[in-house]
Amino acid sequence: MMHTVKIMQPSGKLDATKSQEFREEVAGLLEDGTKVVLVDFKDVTFMDSSGLGALVLAFKALRAADSKLVVCSINEQVRILFELTGMDKVFEIFDNQEEFNKTILSTI
């Protein structure tokens, strides 16, 4: 049975050292036929431009494969980064996993 929803929970800093690993994890999910990837930021303390770049690349790769990437539980620093770069208009952002479950699971 194919999993339609996968949850990724990066932790600590999502920066240059972690972004490659993040991209590889997303590539692996694409091969699994995942339809929705939820990136839960609750354990992420900081994200920089390379982390954001990895997220955008993942978003594009998933969209090209007819899948989607959504995020939840972003902290103030990540929210500000999203707003400064206009990414808050690109990504669907949920308050937490419960909000995501209520919204997304009802549409699958």
PDB file of N, CA and C in Angstrom:
ATOM      1  N   MET A   1       0.838  -1.198   0.000  1.00  0.00           N
ATOM      2  CA  MET A   1       0.000   0.000   0.000  1.00  0.00           C
ATOM      3  C   MET A   1       0.883   1.261   0.000  1.00  0.00           C
ATOM      4  N   MET A   2       0.502   2.196  -0.846  1.00  0.00           N
ATOM      5  CA  MET A   2       1.281   3.431  -0.939  1.00  0.00           C
ATOM      6  C   MET A   2       0.879   4.403   0.152  1.00  0.00           C
ATOM      7  N   HIS A   3       1.875   5.030   0.746  1.00  0.00           N
ATOM      8  CA  HIS A   3       1.572   6.064   1.736  1.00  0.00           C
ATOM      9  C   HIS A   3       1.314   7.347   0.986  1.00  0.00           C
ATOM     10  N   THR A   4       0.211   7.991   1.300  1.00  0.00           N
ATOM     11  CA  THR A   4      -0.058   9.241   0.604  1.00  0.00           C
ATOM     12  C   THR A   4       0.498  10.438   1.357  1.00  0.00           C
ATOM     13  N   VAL A   5       0.624  10.315   2.683  1.00  0.00           N
ATOM     14  CA  VAL A   5       1.132  11.436   3.472  1.00  0.00           C
ATOM     15  C   VAL A   5       2.374  11.004   4.237  1.00  0.00           C
ATOM     16  N   LYS A   6       3.426  11.799   4.107  1.00  0.00           N
ATOM     17  CA  LYS A   6       4.645  11.551   4.899  1.00  0.00           C
ATOM     18  C   LYS A   6       4.933  12.801   5.702  1.00  0.00           C
ATOM     19  N   ILE A   7       5.376  12.599   6.933  1.00  0.00           N
ATOM     20  CA  ILE A   7       5.707  13.739   7.785  1.00  0.00           C
ATOM     21  C   ILE A   7       7.211  13.776   8.000  1.00  0.00           C
ATOM     22  N   MET A   8       7.805  14.906   7.700  1.00  0.00           N
ATOM     23  CA  MET A   8       9.226  15.105   7.959  1.00  0.00           C
ATOM     24  C   MET A   8       9.342  16.029   9.148  1.00  0.00           C
ATOM     25  N   GLN A   9      10.220  15.682  10.089  1.00  0.00           N
ATOM     26  CA  GLN A   9      10.396  16.529  11.266  1.00  0.00           C
ATOM     27  C   GLN A   9      11.858  16.891  11.461  1.00  0.00           C
ATOM     28  N   PRO A  10      12.339  17.861  10.674  1.00  0.00           N
ATOM     29  CA  PRO A  10      13.727  18.289  10.888  1.00  0.00           C
ATOM     30  C   PRO A  10      13.853  18.902  12.278  1.00  0.00           C
ATOM     31  N   SER A  11      15.061  18.910  12.828  1.00  0.00           N
ATOM     32  CA  SER A  11      15.221  19.532  14.142  1.00  0.00           C
ATOM     33  C   SER A  11      16.491  20.376  14.180  1.00  0.00           C
ATOM     34  N   GLY A  12      16.533  21.282  15.154  1.00  0.00           N
ATOM     35  CA  GLY A  12      17.690  22.153  15.298  1.00  0.00           C
ATOM     36  C   GLY A  12      17.706  23.222  14.228  1.00  0.00           C
ATOM     37  N   LYS A  13      18.853  23.389  13.589  1.00  0.00           N
ATOM     38  CA  LYS A  13      18.998  24.411  12.545  1.00  0.00           C
ATOM     39  C   LYS A  13      18.834  23.780  11.175  1.00  0.00           C
ATOM     40  N   LEU A  14      18.002  24.407  10.336  1.00  0.00           N
ATOM     41  CA  LEU A  14      17.881  23.977   8.948  1.00  0.00           C
ATOM     42  C   LEU A  14      18.733  24.966   8.150  1.00  0.00           C
ATOM     43  N   ASP A  15      20.029  24.618   8.020  1.00  0.00           N
ATOM     44  CA  ASP A  15      20.972  25.522   7.360  1.00  0.00           C
ATOM     45  C   ASP A  15      21.752  24.749   6.306  1.00  0.00           C
ATOM     46  N   ALA A  16      22.857  25.303   5.850  1.00  0.00           N
ATOM     47  CA  ALA A  16      23.631  24.689   4.763  1.00  0.00           C
ATOM     48  C   ALA A  16      24.032  23.245   5.075  1.00  0.00           C
ATOM     49  N   THR A  17      24.382  22.973   6.326  1.00  0.00           N
ATOM     50  CA  THR A  17      24.831  21.615   6.647  1.00  0.00           C
ATOM     51  C   THR A  17      23.696  20.606   6.604  1.00  0.00           C
ATOM     52  N   LYS A  18      22.473  21.063   6.871  1.00  0.00           N
ATOM     53  CA  LYS A  18      21.336  20.144   6.890  1.00  0.00           C
ATOM     54  C   LYS A  18      20.558  20.123   5.581  1.00  0.00           C
ATOM     55  N   SER A  19      20.740  21.151   4.748  1.00  0.00           N
ATOM     56  CA  SER A  19      19.853  21.270   3.589  1.00  0.00           C
ATOM     57  C   SER A  19      20.043  20.148   2.574  1.00  0.00           C
ATOM     58  N   GLN A  20      21.280  19.687   2.406  1.00  0.00           N
ATOM     59  CA  GLN A  20      21.540  18.585   1.471  1.00  0.00           C
ATOM     60  C   GLN A  20      20.817  17.308   1.930  1.00  0.00           C
ATOM     61  N   GLU A  21      20.941  17.027   3.193  1.00  0.00           N
ATOM     62  CA  GLU A  21      20.290  15.859   3.792  1.00  0.00           C
ATOM     63  C   GLU A  21      18.766  15.955   3.616  1.00  0.00           C
ATOM     64  N   PHE A  22      18.247  17.158   3.802  1.00  0.00           N
ATOM     65  CA  PHE A  22      16.811  17.404   3.653  1.00  0.00           C
ATOM     66  C   PHE A  22      16.362  17.101   2.226  1.00  0.00           C
ATOM     67  N   ARG A  23      17.152  17.602   1.257  1.00  0.00           N
ATOM     68  CA  ARG A  23      16.808  17.371  -0.156  1.00  0.00           C
ATOM     69  C   ARG A  23      16.839  15.888  -0.499  1.00  0.00           C
ATOM     70  N   GLU A  24      17.830  15.181   0.045  1.00  0.00           N
ATOM     71  CA  GLU A  24      17.916  13.741  -0.226  1.00  0.00           C
ATOM     72  C   GLU A  24      16.722  12.994   0.350  1.00  0.00           C
ATOM     73  N   GLU A  25      16.292  13.410   1.528  1.00  0.00           N
ATOM     74  CA  GLU A  25      15.132  12.772   2.153  1.00  0.00           C
ATOM     75  C   GLU A  25      13.884  12.978   1.298  1.00  0.00           C
ATOM     76  N   VAL A  26      13.719  14.193   0.768  1.00  0.00           N
ATOM     77  CA  VAL A  26      12.573  14.484  -0.089  1.00  0.00           C
ATOM     78  C   VAL A  26      12.645  13.661  -1.377  1.00  0.00           C
ATOM     79  N   ALA A  27      13.839  13.548  -1.951  1.00  0.00           N
ATOM     80  CA  ALA A  27      14.010  12.745  -3.172  1.00  0.00           C
ATOM     81  C   ALA A  27      13.570  11.296  -2.916  1.00  0.00           C
ATOM     82  N   GLY A  28      13.914  10.792  -1.735  1.00  0.00           N
ATOM     83  CA  GLY A  28      13.502   9.435  -1.365  1.00  0.00           C
ATOM     84  C   GLY A  28      11.987   9.306  -1.281  1.00  0.00           C
ATOM     85  N   LEU A  29      11.337  10.333  -0.760  1.00  0.00           N
ATOM     86  CA  LEU A  29       9.876  10.307  -0.650  1.00  0.00           C
ATOM     87  C   LEU A  29       9.217  10.319  -2.019  1.00  0.00           C
ATOM     88  N   LEU A  30       9.823  11.047  -2.955  1.00  0.00           N
ATOM     89  CA  LEU A  30       9.273  11.101  -4.313  1.00  0.00           C
ATOM     90  C   LEU A  30       9.272   9.718  -4.948  1.00  0.00           C
ATOM     91  N   GLU A  31      10.330   8.958  -4.689  1.00  0.00           N
ATOM     92  CA  GLU A  31      10.413   7.608  -5.249  1.00  0.00           C
ATOM     93  C   GLU A  31       9.355   6.690  -4.654  1.00  0.00           C
ATOM     94  N   ASP A  32       8.931   6.977  -3.438  1.00  0.00           N
ATOM     95  CA  ASP A  32       7.898   6.173  -2.769  1.00  0.00           C
ATOM     96  C   ASP A  32       6.496   6.452  -3.278  1.00  0.00           C
ATOM     97  N   GLY A  33       6.356   7.499  -4.070  1.00  0.00           N
ATOM     98  CA  GLY A  33       5.024   7.866  -4.554  1.00  0.00           C
ATOM     99  C   GLY A  33       4.196   8.628  -3.531  1.00  0.00           C
ATOM    100  N   THR A  34       4.869   9.306  -2.613  1.00  0.00           N
ATOM    101  CA  THR A  34       4.176  10.101  -1.605  1.00  0.00           C
ATOM    102  C   THR A  34       3.417  11.249  -2.268  1.00  0.00           C
ATOM    103  N   LYS A  35       2.187  11.465  -1.831  1.00  0.00           N
ATOM    104  CA  LYS A  35       1.370  12.525  -2.439  1.00  0.00           C
ATOM    105  C   LYS A  35       1.439  13.856  -1.693  1.00  0.00           C
ATOM    106  N   VAL A  36       1.569  13.789  -0.368  1.00  0.00           N
ATOM    107  CA  VAL A  36       1.646  15.007   0.435  1.00  0.00           C
ATOM    108  C   VAL A  36       2.783  14.857   1.434  1.00  0.00           C
ATOM    109  N   VAL A  37       3.652  15.843   1.475  1.00  0.00           N
ATOM    110  CA  VAL A  37       4.719  15.861   2.476  1.00  0.00           C
ATOM    111  C   VAL A  37       4.447  17.030   3.414  1.00  0.00           C
ATOM    112  N   LEU A  38       4.325  16.694   4.693  1.00  0.00           N
ATOM    113  CA  LEU A  38       4.162  17.726   5.712  1.00  0.00           C
ATOM    114  C   LEU A  38       5.507  17.897   6.401  1.00  0.00           C
ATOM    115  N   VAL A  39       6.051  19.110   6.353  1.00  0.00           N
ATOM    116  CA  VAL A  39       7.293  19.392   7.069  1.00  0.00           C
ATOM    117  C   VAL A  39       6.905  20.083   8.370  1.00  0.00           C
ATOM    118  N   ASP A  40       7.098  19.356   9.467  1.00  0.00           N
ATOM    119  CA  ASP A  40       6.732  19.874  10.782  1.00  0.00           C
ATOM    120  C   ASP A  40       7.950  20.563  11.390  1.00  0.00           C
ATOM    121  N   PHE A  41       7.849  21.866  11.578  1.00  0.00           N
ATOM    122  CA  PHE A  41       8.972  22.687  12.043  1.00  0.00           C
ATOM    123  C   PHE A  41       9.035  22.829  13.560  1.00  0.00           C
ATOM    124  N   LYS A  42       8.243  22.043  14.292  1.00  0.00           N
ATOM    125  CA  LYS A  42       8.175  22.313  15.725  1.00  0.00           C
ATOM    126  C   LYS A  42       9.514  22.183  16.449  1.00  0.00           C
ATOM    127  N   ASP A  43      10.418  21.353  15.922  1.00  0.00           N
ATOM    128  CA  ASP A  43      11.732  21.200  16.558  1.00  0.00           C
ATOM    129  C   ASP A  43      12.834  22.004  15.872  1.00  0.00           C
ATOM    130  N   VAL A  44      12.458  22.815  14.868  1.00  0.00           N
ATOM    131  CA  VAL A  44      13.453  23.631  14.169  1.00  0.00           C
ATOM    132  C   VAL A  44      13.604  24.955  14.913  1.00  0.00           C
ATOM    133  N   THR A  45      14.824  25.248  15.329  1.00  0.00           N
ATOM    134  CA  THR A  45      15.061  26.479  16.085  1.00  0.00           C
ATOM    135  C   THR A  45      15.434  27.638  15.173  1.00  0.00           C
ATOM    136  N   PHE A  46      16.011  27.323  13.991  1.00  0.00           N
ATOM    137  CA  PHE A  46      16.522  28.372  13.112  1.00  0.00           C
ATOM    138  C   PHE A  46      16.568  27.856  11.682  1.00  0.00           C
ATOM    139  N   MET A  47      16.228  28.711  10.733  1.00  0.00           N
ATOM    140  CA  MET A  47      16.371  28.353   9.320  1.00  0.00           C
ATOM    141  C   MET A  47      17.007  29.531   8.601  1.00  0.00           C
ATOM    142  N   ASP A  48      17.994  29.251   7.738  1.00  0.00           N
ATOM    143  CA  ASP A  48      18.605  30.327   6.960  1.00  0.00           C
ATOM    144  C   ASP A  48      18.232  30.176   5.488  1.00  0.00           C
ATOM    145  N   SER A  49      18.871  30.977   4.634  1.00  0.00           N
ATOM    146  CA  SER A  49      18.492  30.982   3.217  1.00  0.00           C
ATOM    147  C   SER A  49      18.758  29.646   2.531  1.00  0.00           C
ATOM    148  N   SER A  50      19.784  28.906   2.963  1.00  0.00           N
ATOM    149  CA  SER A  50      20.023  27.615   2.311  1.00  0.00           C
ATOM    150  C   SER A  50      18.968  26.593   2.736  1.00  0.00           C
ATOM    151  N   GLY A  51      18.507  26.707   3.975  1.00  0.00           N
ATOM    152  CA  GLY A  51      17.405  25.848   4.411  1.00  0.00           C
ATOM    153  C   GLY A  51      16.139  26.175   3.638  1.00  0.00           C
ATOM    154  N   LEU A  52      15.895  27.464   3.455  1.00  0.00           N
ATOM    155  CA  LEU A  52      14.731  27.897   2.686  1.00  0.00           C
ATOM    156  C   LEU A  52      14.866  27.442   1.235  1.00  0.00           C
ATOM    157  N   GLY A  53      16.082  27.549   0.696  1.00  0.00           N
ATOM    158  CA  GLY A  53      16.329  27.092  -0.683  1.00  0.00           C
ATOM    159  C   GLY A  53      16.021  25.613  -0.839  1.00  0.00           C
ATOM    160  N   ALA A  54      16.429  24.815   0.148  1.00  0.00           N
ATOM    161  CA  ALA A  54      16.160  23.371   0.109  1.00  0.00           C
ATOM    162  C   ALA A  54      14.655  23.114   0.148  1.00  0.00           C
ATOM    163  N   LEU A  55      13.956  23.902   0.948  1.00  0.00           N
ATOM    164  CA  LEU A  55      12.505  23.764   1.055  1.00  0.00           C
ATOM    165  C   LEU A  55      11.831  24.115  -0.270  1.00  0.00           C
ATOM    166  N   VAL A  56      12.287  25.190  -0.908  1.00  0.00           N
ATOM    167  CA  VAL A  56      11.716  25.609  -2.192  1.00  0.00           C
ATOM    168  C   VAL A  56      11.998  24.551  -3.274  1.00  0.00           C
ATOM    169  N   LEU A  57      13.224  24.024  -3.309  1.00  0.00           N
ATOM    170  CA  LEU A  57      13.551  22.972  -4.281  1.00  0.00           C
ATOM    171  C   LEU A  57      12.685  21.746  -4.055  1.00  0.00           C
ATOM    172  N   ALA A  58      12.486  21.390  -2.791  1.00  0.00           N
ATOM    173  CA  ALA A  58      11.635  20.244  -2.460  1.00  0.00           C
ATOM    174  C   ALA A  58      10.204  20.504  -2.920  1.00  0.00           C
ATOM    175  N   PHE A  59       9.725  21.718  -2.680  1.00  0.00           N
ATOM    176  CA  PHE A  59       8.376  22.116  -3.083  1.00  0.00           C
ATOM    177  C   PHE A  59       8.204  21.956  -4.595  1.00  0.00           C
ATOM    178  N   LYS A  60       9.208  22.451  -5.349  1.00  0.00           N
ATOM    179  CA  LYS A  60       9.143  22.375  -6.816  1.00  0.00           C
ATOM    180  C   LYS A  60       9.218  20.939  -7.315  1.00  0.00           C
ATOM    181  N   ALA A  61      10.097  20.146  -6.704  1.00  0.00           N
ATOM    182  CA  ALA A  61      10.250  18.744  -7.112  1.00  0.00           C
ATOM    183  C   ALA A  61       8.948  17.978  -6.867  1.00  0.00           C
ATOM    184  N   LEU A  62       8.350  18.210  -5.725  1.00  0.00           N
ATOM    185  CA  LEU A  62       7.091  17.525  -5.407  1.00  0.00           C
ATOM    186  C   LEU A  62       5.969  17.991  -6.328  1.00  0.00           C
ATOM    187  N   ARG A  63       5.916  19.293  -6.583  1.00  0.00           N
ATOM    188  CA  ARG A  63       4.870  19.811  -7.461  1.00  0.00           C
ATOM    189  C   ARG A  63       5.012  19.228  -8.870  1.00  0.00           C
ATOM    190  N   ALA A  64       6.257  19.099  -9.325  1.00  0.00           N
ATOM    191  CA  ALA A  64       6.500  18.521 -10.654  1.00  0.00           C
ATOM    192  C   ALA A  64       6.044  17.062 -10.708  1.00  0.00           C
ATOM    193  N   ALA A  65       6.067  16.394  -9.569  1.00  0.00           N
ATOM    194  CA  ALA A  65       5.642  14.988  -9.496  1.00  0.00           C
ATOM    195  C   ALA A  65       4.169  14.882  -9.096  1.00  0.00           C
ATOM    196  N   ASP A  66       3.448  16.012  -9.198  1.00  0.00           N
ATOM    197  CA  ASP A  66       2.027  16.041  -8.872  1.00  0.00           C
ATOM    198  C   ASP A  66       1.755  15.728  -7.399  1.00  0.00           C
ATOM    199  N   SER A  67       2.681  16.126  -6.550  1.00  0.00           N
ATOM    200  CA  SER A  67       2.516  15.969  -5.105  1.00  0.00           C
ATOM    201  C   SER A  67       2.576  17.367  -4.500  1.00  0.00           C
ATOM    202  N   LYS A  68       2.370  17.460  -3.198  1.00  0.00           N
ATOM    203  CA  LYS A  68       2.467  18.782  -2.595  1.00  0.00           C
ATOM    204  C   LYS A  68       3.243  18.751  -1.296  1.00  0.00           C
ATOM    205  N   LEU A  69       3.825  19.894  -0.980  1.00  0.00           N
ATOM    206  CA  LEU A  69       4.569  20.057   0.259  1.00  0.00           C
ATOM    207  C   LEU A  69       3.899  21.158   1.060  1.00  0.00           C
ATOM    208  N   VAL A  70       3.599  20.861   2.305  1.00  0.00           N
ATOM    209  CA  VAL A  70       3.013  21.860   3.200  1.00  0.00           C
ATOM    210  C   VAL A  70       3.840  21.894   4.481  1.00  0.00           C
ATOM    211  N   VAL A  71       3.708  22.966   5.240  1.00  0.00           N
ATOM    212  CA  VAL A  71       4.501  23.089   6.465  1.00  0.00           C
ATOM    213  C   VAL A  71       3.583  23.398   7.647  1.00  0.00           C
ATOM    214  N   CYS A  72       4.075  23.065   8.841  1.00  0.00           N
ATOM    215  CA  CYS A  72       3.323  23.421  10.043  1.00  0.00           C
ATOM    216  C   CYS A  72       4.278  23.736  11.179  1.00  0.00           C
ATOM    217  N   SER A  73       3.724  24.344  12.213  1.00  0.00           N
ATOM    218  CA  SER A  73       4.437  24.625  13.464  1.00  0.00           C
ATOM    219  C   SER A  73       5.702  25.467  13.270  1.00  0.00           C
ATOM    220  N   ILE A  74       5.607  26.494  12.421  1.00  0.00           N
ATOM    221  CA  ILE A  74       6.807  27.320  12.235  1.00  0.00           C
ATOM    222  C   ILE A  74       6.931  28.317  13.384  1.00  0.00           C
ATOM    223  N   ASN A  75       8.167  28.596  13.783  1.00  0.00           N
ATOM    224  CA  ASN A  75       8.382  29.567  14.853  1.00  0.00           C
ATOM    225  C   ASN A  75       8.453  30.982  14.277  1.00  0.00           C
ATOM    226  N   GLU A  76       8.632  31.945  15.146  1.00  0.00           N
ATOM    227  CA  GLU A  76       8.636  33.352  14.729  1.00  0.00           C
ATOM    228  C   GLU A  76       9.751  33.654  13.722  1.00  0.00           C
ATOM    229  N   GLN A  77      10.944  33.122  13.960  1.00  0.00           N
ATOM    230  CA  GLN A  77      12.077  33.384  13.065  1.00  0.00           C
ATOM    231  C   GLN A  77      11.795  32.851  11.661  1.00  0.00           C
ATOM    232  N   VAL A  78      11.264  31.647  11.585  1.00  0.00           N
ATOM    233  CA  VAL A  78      10.955  31.042  10.286  1.00  0.00           C
ATOM    234  C   VAL A  78       9.814  31.800   9.619  1.00  0.00           C
ATOM    235  N   ARG A  79       8.812  32.181  10.405  1.00  0.00           N
ATOM    236  CA  ARG A  79       7.681  32.942   9.848  1.00  0.00           C
ATOM    237  C   ARG A  79       8.172  34.257   9.235  1.00  0.00           C
ATOM    238  N   ILE A  80       9.056  34.951   9.931  1.00  0.00           N
ATOM    239  CA  ILE A  80       9.591  36.222   9.425  1.00  0.00           C
ATOM    240  C   ILE A  80      10.369  35.994   8.131  1.00  0.00           C
ATOM    241  N   LEU A  81      11.184  34.941   8.103  1.00  0.00           N
ATOM    242  CA  LEU A  81      11.928  34.602   6.884  1.00  0.00           C
ATOM    243  C   LEU A  81      10.958  34.330   5.732  1.00  0.00           C
ATOM    244  N   PHE A  82       9.905  33.577   5.991  1.00  0.00           N
ATOM    245  CA  PHE A  82       8.886  33.301   4.967  1.00  0.00           C
ATOM    246  C   PHE A  82       8.256  34.595   4.480  1.00  0.00           C
ATOM    247  N   GLU A  83       7.917  35.491   5.422  1.00  0.00           N
ATOM    248  CA  GLU A  83       7.249  36.735   5.034  1.00  0.00           C
ATOM    249  C   GLU A  83       8.173  37.648   4.243  1.00  0.00           C
ATOM    250  N   LEU A  84       9.433  37.730   4.657  1.00  0.00           N
ATOM    251  CA  LEU A  84      10.397  38.586   3.946  1.00  0.00           C
ATOM    252  C   LEU A  84      10.629  38.125   2.515  1.00  0.00           C
ATOM    253  N   THR A  85      10.557  36.827   2.294  1.00  0.00           N
ATOM    254  CA  THR A  85      10.840  36.272   0.964  1.00  0.00           C
ATOM    255  C   THR A  85       9.569  35.991   0.171  1.00  0.00           C
ATOM    256  N   GLY A  86       8.414  36.281   0.771  1.00  0.00           N
ATOM    257  CA  GLY A  86       7.150  36.036   0.077  1.00  0.00           C
ATOM    258  C   GLY A  86       6.746  34.571   0.082  1.00  0.00           C
ATOM    259  N   MET A  87       7.477  33.749   0.818  1.00  0.00           N
ATOM    260  CA  MET A  87       7.181  32.317   0.819  1.00  0.00           C
ATOM    261  C   MET A  87       5.919  31.976   1.604  1.00  0.00           C
ATOM    262  N   ASP A  88       5.474  32.924   2.438  1.00  0.00           N
ATOM    263  CA  ASP A  88       4.219  32.677   3.160  1.00  0.00           C
ATOM    264  C   ASP A  88       3.035  32.629   2.194  1.00  0.00           C
ATOM    265  N   LYS A  89       3.234  33.184   0.967  1.00  0.00           N
ATOM    266  CA  LYS A  89       2.182  33.124  -0.067  1.00  0.00           C
ATOM    267  C   LYS A  89       2.301  31.827  -0.882  1.00  0.00           C
ATOM    268  N   VAL A  90       3.476  31.224  -0.859  1.00  0.00           N
ATOM    269  CA  VAL A  90       3.736  30.030  -1.667  1.00  0.00           C
ATOM    270  C   VAL A  90       3.354  28.767  -0.908  1.00  0.00           C
ATOM    271  N   PHE A  91       3.803  28.695   0.336  1.00  0.00           N
ATOM    272  CA  PHE A  91       3.564  27.492   1.126  1.00  0.00           C
ATOM    273  C   PHE A  91       2.238  27.559   1.858  1.00  0.00           C
ATOM    274  N   GLU A  92       1.598  26.407   1.926  1.00  0.00           N
ATOM    275  CA  GLU A  92       0.424  26.282   2.769  1.00  0.00           C
ATOM    276  C   GLU A  92       0.966  26.031   4.178  1.00  0.00           C
ATOM    277  N   ILE A  93       0.620  26.906   5.120  1.00  0.00           N
ATOM    278  CA  ILE A  93       1.188  26.828   6.471  1.00  0.00           C
ATOM    279  C   ILE A  93       0.080  26.528   7.478  1.00  0.00           C
ATOM    280  N   PHE A  94       0.259  25.429   8.191  1.00  0.00           N
ATOM    281  CA  PHE A  94      -0.699  25.051   9.229  1.00  0.00           C
ATOM    282  C   PHE A  94      -0.113  25.354  10.595  1.00  0.00           C
ATOM    283  N   ASP A  95      -0.999  25.629  11.569  1.00  0.00           N
ATOM    284  CA  ASP A  95      -0.534  25.919  12.926  1.00  0.00           C
ATOM    285  C   ASP A  95       0.185  24.725  13.534  1.00  0.00           C
ATOM    286  N   ASN A  96      -0.343  23.526  13.289  1.00  0.00           N
ATOM    287  CA  ASN A  96       0.227  22.315  13.873  1.00  0.00           C
ATOM    288  C   ASN A  96      -0.287  21.093  13.114  1.00  0.00           C
ATOM    289  N   GLN A  97       0.139  19.914  13.534  1.00  0.00           N
ATOM    290  CA  GLN A  97      -0.268  18.700  12.827  1.00  0.00           C
ATOM    291  C   GLN A  97      -1.768  18.451  12.906  1.00  0.00           C
ATOM    292  N   GLU A  98      -2.389  18.812  14.028  1.00  0.00           N
ATOM    293  CA  GLU A  98      -3.848  18.596  14.118  1.00  0.00           C
ATOM    294  C   GLU A  98      -4.598  19.393  13.057  1.00  0.00           C
ATOM    295  N   GLU A  99      -4.190  20.661  12.884  1.00  0.00           N
ATOM    296  CA  GLU A  99      -4.822  21.499  11.856  1.00  0.00           C
ATOM    297  C   GLU A  99      -4.638  20.877  10.485  1.00  0.00           C
ATOM    298  N   PHE A 100      -3.417  20.420  10.229  1.00  0.00           N
ATOM    299  CA  PHE A 100      -3.112  19.761   8.955  1.00  0.00           C
ATOM    300  C   PHE A 100      -4.016  18.560   8.755  1.00  0.00           C
ATOM    301  N   ASN A 101      -4.092  17.706   9.778  1.00  0.00           N
ATOM    302  CA  ASN A 101      -4.908  16.486   9.676  1.00  0.00           C
ATOM    303  C   ASN A 101      -6.353  16.797   9.370  1.00  0.00           C
ATOM    304  N   LYS A 102      -6.893  17.798  10.045  1.00  0.00           N
ATOM    305  CA  LYS A 102      -8.292  18.166   9.829  1.00  0.00           C
ATOM    306  C   LYS A 102      -8.508  18.619   8.400  1.00  0.00           C
ATOM    307  N   THR A 103      -7.606  19.425   7.887  1.00  0.00           N
ATOM    308  CA  THR A 103      -7.783  20.017   6.559  1.00  0.00           C
ATOM    309  C   THR A 103      -7.442  19.059   5.433  1.00  0.00           C
ATOM    310  N   ILE A 104      -6.233  18.477   5.503  1.00  0.00           N
ATOM    311  CA  ILE A 104      -5.738  17.673   4.391  1.00  0.00           C
ATOM    312  C   ILE A 104      -6.374  16.295   4.317  1.00  0.00           C
ATOM    313  N   LEU A 105      -6.460  15.638   5.447  1.00  0.00           N
ATOM    314  CA  LEU A 105      -6.953  14.265   5.416  1.00  0.00           C
ATOM    315  C   LEU A 105      -8.394  14.198   4.948  1.00  0.00           C
ATOM    316  N   SER A 106      -9.118  15.299   5.109  1.00  0.00           N
ATOM    317  CA  SER A 106     -10.498  15.307   4.635  1.00  0.00           C
ATOM    318  C   SER A 106     -10.561  15.431   3.106  1.00  0.00           C
ATOM    319  N   THR A 107      -9.422  15.794   2.471  1.00  0.00           N
ATOM    320  CA  THR A 107      -9.452  15.964   1.009  1.00  0.00           C
ATOM    321  C   THR A 107      -8.808  14.818   0.253  1.00  0.00           C
ATOM    322  N   ILE A 108      -8.173  13.881   0.985  1.00  0.00           N
ATOM    323  CA  ILE A 108      -7.461  12.790   0.290  1.00  0.00           C
ATOM    324  C   ILE A 108      -8.443  11.677  -0.019  1.00  0.00           C
TER     325      ILE A 108
END
